[in-house]
Amino acid sequence: MAINFKANAEERKLIGAIALRAVCEMKELDQETVEMDITAAHLNGCPLDLKRLLCASKLVLLHDVLGINRNISHETGALQNCFLPRFHAAEKKTREKKSCTK
């Protein structure tokens, strides 16, 4: 089964911004890898609230980005080892209440 990477234009823009922010926060990360991992997770079983993830605190952003990177199957795009990003789409909007101006 092939991994779906067909994000729409808005998703691609948000994912690119998330990856850029993650790389700025942690120089060891590779932007292209982060974009691919987030896209694969988002489109293959764990929809993410991309807008909220972009606005998340540094700690939460890196938790989700690094967790996805460490737990994604590069064969299916599914997250493994019971990892669930804090900003998966089903998450209630109570964890990060700060407004985003980005």
PDB file of N, CA and C in Angstrom:
ATOM      1  N   MET A   1       0.839  -1.186   0.000  1.00  0.00           N
ATOM      2  CA  MET A   1       0.000   0.000   0.000  1.00  0.00           C
ATOM      3  C   MET A   1       0.883   1.248   0.000  1.00  0.00           C
ATOM      4  N   ALA A   2       0.646   2.150  -0.908  1.00  0.00           N
ATOM      5  CA  ALA A   2       1.440   3.367  -1.025  1.00  0.00           C
ATOM      6  C   ALA A   2       0.964   4.421  -0.027  1.00  0.00           C
ATOM      7  N   ILE A   3       1.896   5.220   0.430  1.00  0.00           N
ATOM      8  CA  ILE A   3       1.573   6.307   1.349  1.00  0.00           C
ATOM      9  C   ILE A   3       0.963   7.453   0.551  1.00  0.00           C
ATOM     10  N   ASN A   4      -0.107   8.019   1.077  1.00  0.00           N
ATOM     11  CA  ASN A   4      -0.761   9.171   0.462  1.00  0.00           C
ATOM     12  C   ASN A   4      -0.012  10.445   0.861  1.00  0.00           C
ATOM     13  N   PHE A   5       0.478  11.197  -0.104  1.00  0.00           N
ATOM     14  CA  PHE A   5       1.135  12.483   0.141  1.00  0.00           C
ATOM     15  C   PHE A   5       0.386  13.616  -0.560  1.00  0.00           C
ATOM     16  N   LYS A   6      -0.877  13.391  -0.946  1.00  0.00           N
ATOM     17  CA  LYS A   6      -1.628  14.362  -1.738  1.00  0.00           C
ATOM     18  C   LYS A   6      -2.367  15.366  -0.852  1.00  0.00           C
ATOM     19  N   ALA A   7      -1.614  16.241  -0.213  1.00  0.00           N
ATOM     20  CA  ALA A   7      -2.196  17.298   0.609  1.00  0.00           C
ATOM     21  C   ALA A   7      -2.721  18.403  -0.301  1.00  0.00           C
ATOM     22  N   ASN A   8      -3.776  19.077   0.152  1.00  0.00           N
ATOM     23  CA  ASN A   8      -4.281  20.207  -0.631  1.00  0.00           C
ATOM     24  C   ASN A   8      -3.382  21.420  -0.402  1.00  0.00           C
ATOM     25  N   ALA A   9      -3.644  22.487  -1.124  1.00  0.00           N
ATOM     26  CA  ALA A   9      -2.774  23.674  -1.076  1.00  0.00           C
ATOM     27  C   ALA A   9      -2.684  24.268   0.323  1.00  0.00           C
ATOM     28  N   GLU A  10      -3.796  24.360   1.030  1.00  0.00           N
ATOM     29  CA  GLU A  10      -3.775  24.926   2.387  1.00  0.00           C
ATOM     30  C   GLU A  10      -2.976  24.034   3.335  1.00  0.00           C
ATOM     31  N   GLU A  11      -3.172  22.728   3.231  1.00  0.00           N
ATOM     32  CA  GLU A  11      -2.411  21.798   4.067  1.00  0.00           C
ATOM     33  C   GLU A  11      -0.917  21.902   3.784  1.00  0.00           C
ATOM     34  N   ARG A  12      -0.541  21.965   2.511  1.00  0.00           N
ATOM     35  CA  ARG A  12       0.880  22.086   2.156  1.00  0.00           C
ATOM     36  C   ARG A  12       1.492  23.357   2.734  1.00  0.00           C
ATOM     37  N   LYS A  13       0.761  24.448   2.672  1.00  0.00           N
ATOM     38  CA  LYS A  13       1.249  25.723   3.206  1.00  0.00           C
ATOM     39  C   LYS A  13       1.455  25.625   4.724  1.00  0.00           C
ATOM     40  N   LEU A  14       0.481  25.074   5.420  1.00  0.00           N
ATOM     41  CA  LEU A  14       0.593  24.930   6.881  1.00  0.00           C
ATOM     42  C   LEU A  14       1.712  23.967   7.265  1.00  0.00           C
ATOM     43  N   ILE A  15       1.806  22.853   6.564  1.00  0.00           N
ATOM     44  CA  ILE A  15       2.852  21.869   6.859  1.00  0.00           C
ATOM     45  C   ILE A  15       4.232  22.476   6.619  1.00  0.00           C
ATOM     46  N   GLY A  16       4.372  23.223   5.544  1.00  0.00           N
ATOM     47  CA  GLY A  16       5.647  23.898   5.278  1.00  0.00           C
ATOM     48  C   GLY A  16       6.010  24.875   6.383  1.00  0.00           C
ATOM     49  N   ALA A  17       5.029  25.629   6.866  1.00  0.00           N
ATOM     50  CA  ALA A  17       5.272  26.594   7.947  1.00  0.00           C
ATOM     51  C   ALA A  17       5.624  25.882   9.252  1.00  0.00           C
ATOM     52  N   ILE A  18       4.946  24.775   9.529  1.00  0.00           N
ATOM     53  CA  ILE A  18       5.247  23.991  10.738  1.00  0.00           C
ATOM     54  C   ILE A  18       6.674  23.458  10.658  1.00  0.00           C
ATOM     55  N   ALA A  19       7.040  22.903   9.513  1.00  0.00           N
ATOM     56  CA  ALA A  19       8.384  22.343   9.344  1.00  0.00           C
ATOM     57  C   ALA A  19       9.448  23.428   9.476  1.00  0.00           C
ATOM     58  N   LEU A  20       9.210  24.576   8.882  1.00  0.00           N
ATOM     59  CA  LEU A  20      10.165  25.685   8.984  1.00  0.00           C
ATOM     60  C   LEU A  20      10.335  26.115  10.431  1.00  0.00           C
ATOM     61  N   ARG A  21       9.236  26.236  11.139  1.00  0.00           N
ATOM     62  CA  ARG A  21       9.314  26.621  12.552  1.00  0.00           C
ATOM     63  C   ARG A  21      10.063  25.571  13.371  1.00  0.00           C
ATOM     64  N   ALA A  22       9.791  24.292  13.116  1.00  0.00           N
ATOM     65  CA  ALA A  22      10.467  23.219  13.845  1.00  0.00           C
ATOM     66  C   ALA A  22      11.971  23.247  13.585  1.00  0.00           C
ATOM     67  N   VAL A  23      12.357  23.464  12.339  1.00  0.00           N
ATOM     68  CA  VAL A  23      13.777  23.525  11.989  1.00  0.00           C
ATOM     69  C   VAL A  23      14.440  24.732  12.645  1.00  0.00           C
ATOM     70  N   CYS A  24      13.739  25.854  12.708  1.00  0.00           N
ATOM     71  CA  CYS A  24      14.292  27.039  13.389  1.00  0.00           C
ATOM     72  C   CYS A  24      14.484  26.789  14.878  1.00  0.00           C
ATOM     73  N   GLU A  25      13.595  26.001  15.467  1.00  0.00           N
ATOM     74  CA  GLU A  25      13.682  25.689  16.898  1.00  0.00           C
ATOM     75  C   GLU A  25      14.757  24.639  17.185  1.00  0.00           C
ATOM     76  N   MET A  26      14.973  23.737  16.242  1.00  0.00           N
ATOM     77  CA  MET A  26      15.904  22.639  16.439  1.00  0.00           C
ATOM     78  C   MET A  26      16.688  22.418  15.157  1.00  0.00           C
ATOM     79  N   LYS A  27      17.854  22.991  15.081  1.00  0.00           N
ATOM     80  CA  LYS A  27      18.653  23.032  13.845  1.00  0.00           C
ATOM     81  C   LYS A  27      19.003  21.643  13.291  1.00  0.00           C
ATOM     82  N   GLU A  28      18.979  20.616  14.135  1.00  0.00           N
ATOM     83  CA  GLU A  28      19.339  19.264  13.690  1.00  0.00           C
ATOM     84  C   GLU A  28      18.289  18.662  12.760  1.00  0.00           C
ATOM     85  N   LEU A  29      17.115  19.238  12.719  1.00  0.00           N
ATOM     86  CA  LEU A  29      16.038  18.697  11.894  1.00  0.00           C
ATOM     87  C   LEU A  29      16.234  19.088  10.440  1.00  0.00           C
ATOM     88  N   ASP A  30      15.715  18.259   9.561  1.00  0.00           N
ATOM     89  CA  ASP A  30      15.744  18.508   8.127  1.00  0.00           C
ATOM     90  C   ASP A  30      14.327  18.888   7.696  1.00  0.00           C
ATOM     91  N   GLN A  31      14.162  20.063   7.088  1.00  0.00           N
ATOM     92  CA  GLN A  31      12.830  20.554   6.757  1.00  0.00           C
ATOM     93  C   GLN A  31      12.064  19.605   5.843  1.00  0.00           C
ATOM     94  N   GLU A  32      12.710  19.072   4.845  1.00  0.00           N
ATOM     95  CA  GLU A  32      12.023  18.169   3.919  1.00  0.00           C
ATOM     96  C   GLU A  32      11.530  16.904   4.633  1.00  0.00           C
ATOM     97  N   THR A  33      12.345  16.364   5.508  1.00  0.00           N
ATOM     98  CA  THR A  33      11.946  15.172   6.264  1.00  0.00           C
ATOM     99  C   THR A  33      10.756  15.480   7.168  1.00  0.00           C
ATOM    100  N   VAL A  34      10.821  16.621   7.851  1.00  0.00           N
ATOM    101  CA  VAL A  34       9.712  17.018   8.730  1.00  0.00           C
ATOM    102  C   VAL A  34       8.432  17.172   7.918  1.00  0.00           C
ATOM    103  N   GLU A  35       8.509  17.822   6.763  1.00  0.00           N
ATOM    104  CA  GLU A  35       7.326  18.001   5.912  1.00  0.00           C
ATOM    105  C   GLU A  35       6.754  16.657   5.478  1.00  0.00           C
ATOM    106  N   MET A  36       7.625  15.747   5.059  1.00  0.00           N
ATOM    107  CA  MET A  36       7.160  14.433   4.614  1.00  0.00           C
ATOM    108  C   MET A  36       6.521  13.651   5.760  1.00  0.00           C
ATOM    109  N   ASP A  37       7.157  13.683   6.933  1.00  0.00           N
ATOM    110  CA  ASP A  37       6.611  12.944   8.078  1.00  0.00           C
ATOM    111  C   ASP A  37       5.249  13.489   8.501  1.00  0.00           C
ATOM    112  N   ILE A  38       5.125  14.811   8.591  1.00  0.00           N
ATOM    113  CA  ILE A  38       3.851  15.411   9.002  1.00  0.00           C
ATOM    114  C   ILE A  38       2.770  15.120   7.961  1.00  0.00           C
ATOM    115  N   THR A  39       3.117  15.255   6.694  1.00  0.00           N
ATOM    116  CA  THR A  39       2.156  14.974   5.628  1.00  0.00           C
ATOM    117  C   THR A  39       1.702  13.522   5.676  1.00  0.00           C
ATOM    118  N   ALA A  40       2.648  12.612   5.810  1.00  0.00           N
ATOM    119  CA  ALA A  40       2.302  11.184   5.853  1.00  0.00           C
ATOM    120  C   ALA A  40       1.407  10.870   7.047  1.00  0.00           C
ATOM    121  N   ALA A  41       1.742  11.386   8.207  1.00  0.00           N
ATOM    122  CA  ALA A  41       0.921  11.130   9.395  1.00  0.00           C
ATOM    123  C   ALA A  41      -0.476  11.726   9.218  1.00  0.00           C
ATOM    124  N   HIS A  42      -0.532  12.966   8.755  1.00  0.00           N
ATOM    125  CA  HIS A  42      -1.795  13.692   8.607  1.00  0.00           C
ATOM    126  C   HIS A  42      -2.740  13.007   7.621  1.00  0.00           C
ATOM    127  N   LEU A  43      -2.199  12.481   6.538  1.00  0.00           N
ATOM    128  CA  LEU A  43      -3.040  11.915   5.476  1.00  0.00           C
ATOM    129  C   LEU A  43      -3.205  10.401   5.538  1.00  0.00           C
ATOM    130  N   ASN A  44      -2.561   9.760   6.511  1.00  0.00           N
ATOM    131  CA  ASN A  44      -2.594   8.294   6.552  1.00  0.00           C
ATOM    132  C   ASN A  44      -2.957   7.760   7.931  1.00  0.00           C
ATOM    133  N   GLY A  45      -3.984   8.304   8.525  1.00  0.00           N
ATOM    134  CA  GLY A  45      -4.500   7.705   9.744  1.00  0.00           C
ATOM    135  C   GLY A  45      -4.516   8.576  10.982  1.00  0.00           C
ATOM    136  N   CYS A  46      -3.806   9.696  10.978  1.00  0.00           N
ATOM    137  CA  CYS A  46      -3.799  10.569  12.158  1.00  0.00           C
ATOM    138  C   CYS A  46      -3.934  12.029  11.708  1.00  0.00           C
ATOM    139  N   PRO A  47      -5.151  12.428  11.331  1.00  0.00           N
ATOM    140  CA  PRO A  47      -5.334  13.818  10.915  1.00  0.00           C
ATOM    141  C   PRO A  47      -4.903  14.764  12.034  1.00  0.00           C
ATOM    142  N   LEU A  48      -4.182  15.799  11.648  1.00  0.00           N
ATOM    143  CA  LEU A  48      -3.664  16.766  12.613  1.00  0.00           C
ATOM    144  C   LEU A  48      -4.418  18.080  12.494  1.00  0.00           C
ATOM    145  N   ASP A  49      -4.519  18.796  13.596  1.00  0.00           N
ATOM    146  CA  ASP A  49      -5.047  20.151  13.572  1.00  0.00           C
ATOM    147  C   ASP A  49      -3.849  21.042  13.241  1.00  0.00           C
ATOM    148  N   LEU A  50      -3.598  21.210  11.968  1.00  0.00           N
ATOM    149  CA  LEU A  50      -2.384  21.876  11.500  1.00  0.00           C
ATOM    150  C   LEU A  50      -2.304  23.331  11.946  1.00  0.00           C
ATOM    151  N   LYS A  51      -3.415  24.028  11.945  1.00  0.00           N
ATOM    152  CA  LYS A  51      -3.409  25.436  12.367  1.00  0.00           C
ATOM    153  C   LYS A  51      -2.998  25.565  13.829  1.00  0.00           C
ATOM    154  N   ARG A  52      -3.538  24.727  14.662  1.00  0.00           N
ATOM    155  CA  ARG A  52      -3.194  24.773  16.087  1.00  0.00           C
ATOM    156  C   ARG A  52      -1.766  24.301  16.326  1.00  0.00           C
ATOM    157  N   LEU A  53      -1.306  23.313  15.565  1.00  0.00           N
ATOM    158  CA  LEU A  53       0.069  22.843  15.719  1.00  0.00           C
ATOM    159  C   LEU A  53       1.052  23.953  15.353  1.00  0.00           C
ATOM    160  N   LEU A  54       0.770  24.696  14.314  1.00  0.00           N
ATOM    161  CA  LEU A  54       1.638  25.808  13.930  1.00  0.00           C
ATOM    162  C   LEU A  54       1.752  26.840  15.049  1.00  0.00           C
ATOM    163  N   CYS A  55       0.686  27.051  15.788  1.00  0.00           N
ATOM    164  CA  CYS A  55       0.650  28.060  16.855  1.00  0.00           C
ATOM    165  C   CYS A  55       1.061  27.519  18.222  1.00  0.00           C
ATOM    166  N   ALA A  56       1.364  26.253  18.303  1.00  0.00           N
ATOM    167  CA  ALA A  56       1.667  25.612  19.589  1.00  0.00           C
ATOM    168  C   ALA A  56       2.946  26.165  20.207  1.00  0.00           C
ATOM    169  N   SER A  57       3.067  25.975  21.501  1.00  0.00           N
ATOM    170  CA  SER A  57       4.306  26.350  22.180  1.00  0.00           C
ATOM    171  C   SER A  57       5.456  25.524  21.603  1.00  0.00           C
ATOM    172  N   LYS A  58       6.672  25.993  21.805  1.00  0.00           N
ATOM    173  CA  LYS A  58       7.856  25.290  21.307  1.00  0.00           C
ATOM    174  C   LYS A  58       7.879  23.851  21.808  1.00  0.00           C
ATOM    175  N   LEU A  59       7.597  23.646  23.078  1.00  0.00           N
ATOM    176  CA  LEU A  59       7.628  22.309  23.670  1.00  0.00           C
ATOM    177  C   LEU A  59       6.626  21.373  22.994  1.00  0.00           C
ATOM    178  N   VAL A  60       5.416  21.838  22.802  1.00  0.00           N
ATOM    179  CA  VAL A  60       4.382  20.996  22.194  1.00  0.00           C
ATOM    180  C   VAL A  60       4.681  20.756  20.714  1.00  0.00           C
ATOM    181  N   LEU A  61       5.126  21.791  20.023  1.00  0.00           N
ATOM    182  CA  LEU A  61       5.494  21.639  18.615  1.00  0.00           C
ATOM    183  C   LEU A  61       6.554  20.550  18.458  1.00  0.00           C
ATOM    184  N   LEU A  62       7.614  20.642  19.241  1.00  0.00           N
ATOM    185  CA  LEU A  62       8.691  19.653  19.126  1.00  0.00           C
ATOM    186  C   LEU A  62       8.243  18.275  19.597  1.00  0.00           C
ATOM    187  N   HIS A  63       7.365  18.208  20.601  1.00  0.00           N
ATOM    188  CA  HIS A  63       6.818  16.920  21.041  1.00  0.00           C
ATOM    189  C   HIS A  63       6.142  16.224  19.868  1.00  0.00           C
ATOM    190  N   ASP A  64       5.280  16.964  19.169  1.00  0.00           N
ATOM    191  CA  ASP A  64       4.541  16.348  18.076  1.00  0.00           C
ATOM    192  C   ASP A  64       5.444  16.030  16.885  1.00  0.00           C
ATOM    193  N   VAL A  65       6.293  16.969  16.485  1.00  0.00           N
ATOM    194  CA  VAL A  65       7.161  16.763  15.320  1.00  0.00           C
ATOM    195  C   VAL A  65       8.146  15.616  15.561  1.00  0.00           C
ATOM    196  N   LEU A  66       8.817  15.637  16.711  1.00  0.00           N
ATOM    197  CA  LEU A  66       9.788  14.575  16.999  1.00  0.00           C
ATOM    198  C   LEU A  66       9.101  13.238  17.238  1.00  0.00           C
ATOM    199  N   GLY A  67       7.943  13.274  17.888  1.00  0.00           N
ATOM    200  CA  GLY A  67       7.193  12.033  18.120  1.00  0.00           C
ATOM    201  C   GLY A  67       6.743  11.401  16.823  1.00  0.00           C
ATOM    202  N   ILE A  68       6.260  12.232  15.901  1.00  0.00           N
ATOM    203  CA  ILE A  68       5.868  11.712  14.591  1.00  0.00           C
ATOM    204  C   ILE A  68       7.086  11.116  13.900  1.00  0.00           C
ATOM    205  N   ASN A  69       8.195  11.846  13.902  1.00  0.00           N
ATOM    206  CA  ASN A  69       9.413  11.368  13.253  1.00  0.00           C
ATOM    207  C   ASN A  69       9.883  10.027  13.810  1.00  0.00           C
ATOM    208  N   ARG A  70       9.809   9.866  15.100  1.00  0.00           N
ATOM    209  CA  ARG A  70      10.306   8.633  15.745  1.00  0.00           C
ATOM    210  C   ARG A  70       9.341   7.461  15.634  1.00  0.00           C
ATOM    211  N   ASN A  71       8.063   7.743  15.385  1.00  0.00           N
ATOM    212  CA  ASN A  71       7.067   6.680  15.455  1.00  0.00           C
ATOM    213  C   ASN A  71       6.303   6.429  14.158  1.00  0.00           C
ATOM    214  N   ILE A  72       6.696   7.061  13.070  1.00  0.00           N
ATOM    215  CA  ILE A  72       5.969   6.866  11.820  1.00  0.00           C
ATOM    216  C   ILE A  72       6.509   5.647  11.068  1.00  0.00           C
ATOM    217  N   SER A  73       5.605   4.921  10.467  1.00  0.00           N
ATOM    218  CA  SER A  73       6.007   3.821   9.583  1.00  0.00           C
ATOM    219  C   SER A  73       6.287   4.425   8.212  1.00  0.00           C
ATOM    220  N   HIS A  74       7.488   4.215   7.710  1.00  0.00           N
ATOM    221  CA  HIS A  74       7.823   4.734   6.395  1.00  0.00           C
ATOM    222  C   HIS A  74       7.291   3.844   5.277  1.00  0.00           C
ATOM    223  N   GLU A  75       6.580   2.806   5.644  1.00  0.00           N
ATOM    224  CA  GLU A  75       5.927   1.957   4.651  1.00  0.00           C
ATOM    225  C   GLU A  75       4.452   2.268   4.494  1.00  0.00           C
ATOM    226  N   THR A  76       3.796   2.718   5.586  1.00  0.00           N
ATOM    227  CA  THR A  76       2.354   2.966   5.532  1.00  0.00           C
ATOM    228  C   THR A  76       1.965   4.407   5.875  1.00  0.00           C
ATOM    229  N   GLY A  77       2.823   5.133   6.548  1.00  0.00           N
ATOM    230  CA  GLY A  77       2.491   6.475   7.010  1.00  0.00           C
ATOM    231  C   GLY A  77       1.740   6.486   8.324  1.00  0.00           C
ATOM    232  N   ALA A  78       1.447   5.316   8.863  1.00  0.00           N
ATOM    233  CA  ALA A  78       0.720   5.217  10.124  1.00  0.00           C
ATOM    234  C   ALA A  78       1.664   5.428  11.311  1.00  0.00           C
ATOM    235  N   LEU A  79       1.139   5.990  12.377  1.00  0.00           N
ATOM    236  CA  LEU A  79       1.926   6.143  13.596  1.00  0.00           C
ATOM    237  C   LEU A  79       1.893   4.847  14.388  1.00  0.00           C
ATOM    238  N   GLN A  80       3.030   4.501  14.961  1.00  0.00           N
ATOM    239  CA  GLN A  80       3.175   3.246  15.689  1.00  0.00           C
ATOM    240  C   GLN A  80       3.481   3.519  17.158  1.00  0.00           C
ATOM    241  N   ASN A  81       3.617   2.449  17.928  1.00  0.00           N
ATOM    242  CA  ASN A  81       4.029   2.496  19.338  1.00  0.00           C
ATOM    243  C   ASN A  81       3.086   3.323  20.199  1.00  0.00           C
ATOM    244  N   CYS A  82       1.826   3.364  19.819  1.00  0.00           N
ATOM    245  CA  CYS A  82       0.782   4.085  20.560  1.00  0.00           C
ATOM    246  C   CYS A  82       1.045   5.583  20.667  1.00  0.00           C
ATOM    247  N   PHE A  83       1.887   6.137  19.807  1.00  0.00           N
ATOM    248  CA  PHE A  83       2.135   7.583  19.861  1.00  0.00           C
ATOM    249  C   PHE A  83       0.937   8.318  19.269  1.00  0.00           C
ATOM    250  N   LEU A  84       0.500   9.356  19.970  1.00  0.00           N
ATOM    251  CA  LEU A  84      -0.582  10.203  19.494  1.00  0.00           C
ATOM    252  C   LEU A  84      -0.164  11.659  19.692  1.00  0.00           C
ATOM    253  N   PRO A  85      -0.037  12.404  18.609  1.00  0.00           N
ATOM    254  CA  PRO A  85       0.348  13.809  18.744  1.00  0.00           C
ATOM    255  C   PRO A  85      -0.673  14.576  19.585  1.00  0.00           C
ATOM    256  N   ARG A  86      -0.206  15.564  20.298  1.00  0.00           N
ATOM    257  CA  ARG A  86      -1.116  16.369  21.117  1.00  0.00           C
ATOM    258  C   ARG A  86      -2.136  17.096  20.269  1.00  0.00           C
ATOM    259  N   PHE A  87      -1.747  17.473  19.052  1.00  0.00           N
ATOM    260  CA  PHE A  87      -2.673  18.186  18.190  1.00  0.00           C
ATOM    261  C   PHE A  87      -3.220  17.322  17.068  1.00  0.00           C
ATOM    262  N   HIS A  88      -3.599  16.085  17.425  1.00  0.00           N
ATOM    263  CA  HIS A  88      -4.349  15.297  16.455  1.00  0.00           C
ATOM    264  C   HIS A  88      -5.722  15.947  16.337  1.00  0.00           C
ATOM    265  N   ALA A  89      -6.371  15.807  15.212  1.00  0.00           N
ATOM    266  CA  ALA A  89      -7.585  16.563  14.909  1.00  0.00           C
ATOM    267  C   ALA A  89      -8.715  16.334  15.904  1.00  0.00           C
ATOM    268  N   ALA A  90      -8.760  15.197  16.571  1.00  0.00           N
ATOM    269  CA  ALA A  90      -9.840  14.923  17.507  1.00  0.00           C
ATOM    270  C   ALA A  90      -9.601  15.557  18.875  1.00  0.00           C
ATOM    271  N   GLU A  91      -8.401  16.101  19.108  1.00  0.00           N
ATOM    272  CA  GLU A  91      -8.059  16.712  20.403  1.00  0.00           C
ATOM    273  C   GLU A  91      -8.951  17.918  20.668  1.00  0.00           C
ATOM    274  N   LYS A  92      -9.466  18.011  21.880  1.00  0.00           N
ATOM    275  CA  LYS A  92     -10.257  19.172  22.257  1.00  0.00           C
ATOM    276  C   LYS A  92      -9.356  20.394  22.350  1.00  0.00           C
ATOM    277  N   LYS A  93      -9.887  21.545  22.115  1.00  0.00           N
ATOM    278  CA  LYS A  93      -9.106  22.770  22.048  1.00  0.00           C
ATOM    279  C   LYS A  93      -8.876  23.390  23.424  1.00  0.00           C
ATOM    280  N   THR A  94      -8.574  22.583  24.402  1.00  0.00           N
ATOM    281  CA  THR A  94      -8.354  23.107  25.743  1.00  0.00           C
ATOM    282  C   THR A  94      -6.886  23.150  26.134  1.00  0.00           C
ATOM    283  N   ARG A  95      -6.049  22.409  25.456  1.00  0.00           N
ATOM    284  CA  ARG A  95      -4.657  22.298  25.865  1.00  0.00           C
ATOM    285  C   ARG A  95      -3.869  23.581  25.607  1.00  0.00           C
ATOM    286  N   GLU A  96      -3.974  24.141  24.422  1.00  0.00           N
ATOM    287  CA  GLU A  96      -3.247  25.363  24.059  1.00  0.00           C
ATOM    288  C   GLU A  96      -4.284  26.430  23.771  1.00  0.00           C
ATOM    289  N   LYS A  97      -4.437  27.384  24.664  1.00  0.00           N
ATOM    290  CA  LYS A  97      -5.467  28.397  24.494  1.00  0.00           C
ATOM    291  C   LYS A  97      -4.943  29.709  23.937  1.00  0.00           C
ATOM    292  N   LYS A  98      -3.652  29.820  23.742  1.00  0.00           N
ATOM    293  CA  LYS A  98      -3.090  31.044  23.208  1.00  0.00           C
ATOM    294  C   LYS A  98      -3.589  31.269  21.791  1.00  0.00           C
ATOM    295  N   SER A  99      -3.829  32.519  21.446  1.00  0.00           N
ATOM    296  CA  SER A  99      -4.209  32.804  20.076  1.00  0.00           C
ATOM    297  C   SER A  99      -2.947  32.932  19.229  1.00  0.00           C
ATOM    298  N   CYS A 100      -3.093  32.644  17.975  1.00  0.00           N
ATOM    299  CA  CYS A 100      -1.955  32.691  17.061  1.00  0.00           C
ATOM    300  C   CYS A 100      -2.108  33.873  16.137  1.00  0.00           C
ATOM    301  N   THR A 101      -1.045  34.602  15.944  1.00  0.00           N
ATOM    302  CA  THR A 101      -1.086  35.744  15.053  1.00  0.00           C
ATOM    303  C   THR A 101      -0.216  35.510  13.825  1.00  0.00           C
ATOM    304  N   LYS A 102       0.175  34.276  13.574  1.00  0.00           N
ATOM    305  CA  LYS A 102       1.059  33.984  12.446  1.00  0.00           C
ATOM    306  C   LYS A 102       0.263  33.880  11.172  1.00  0.00           C
TER     307      LYS A 102
END
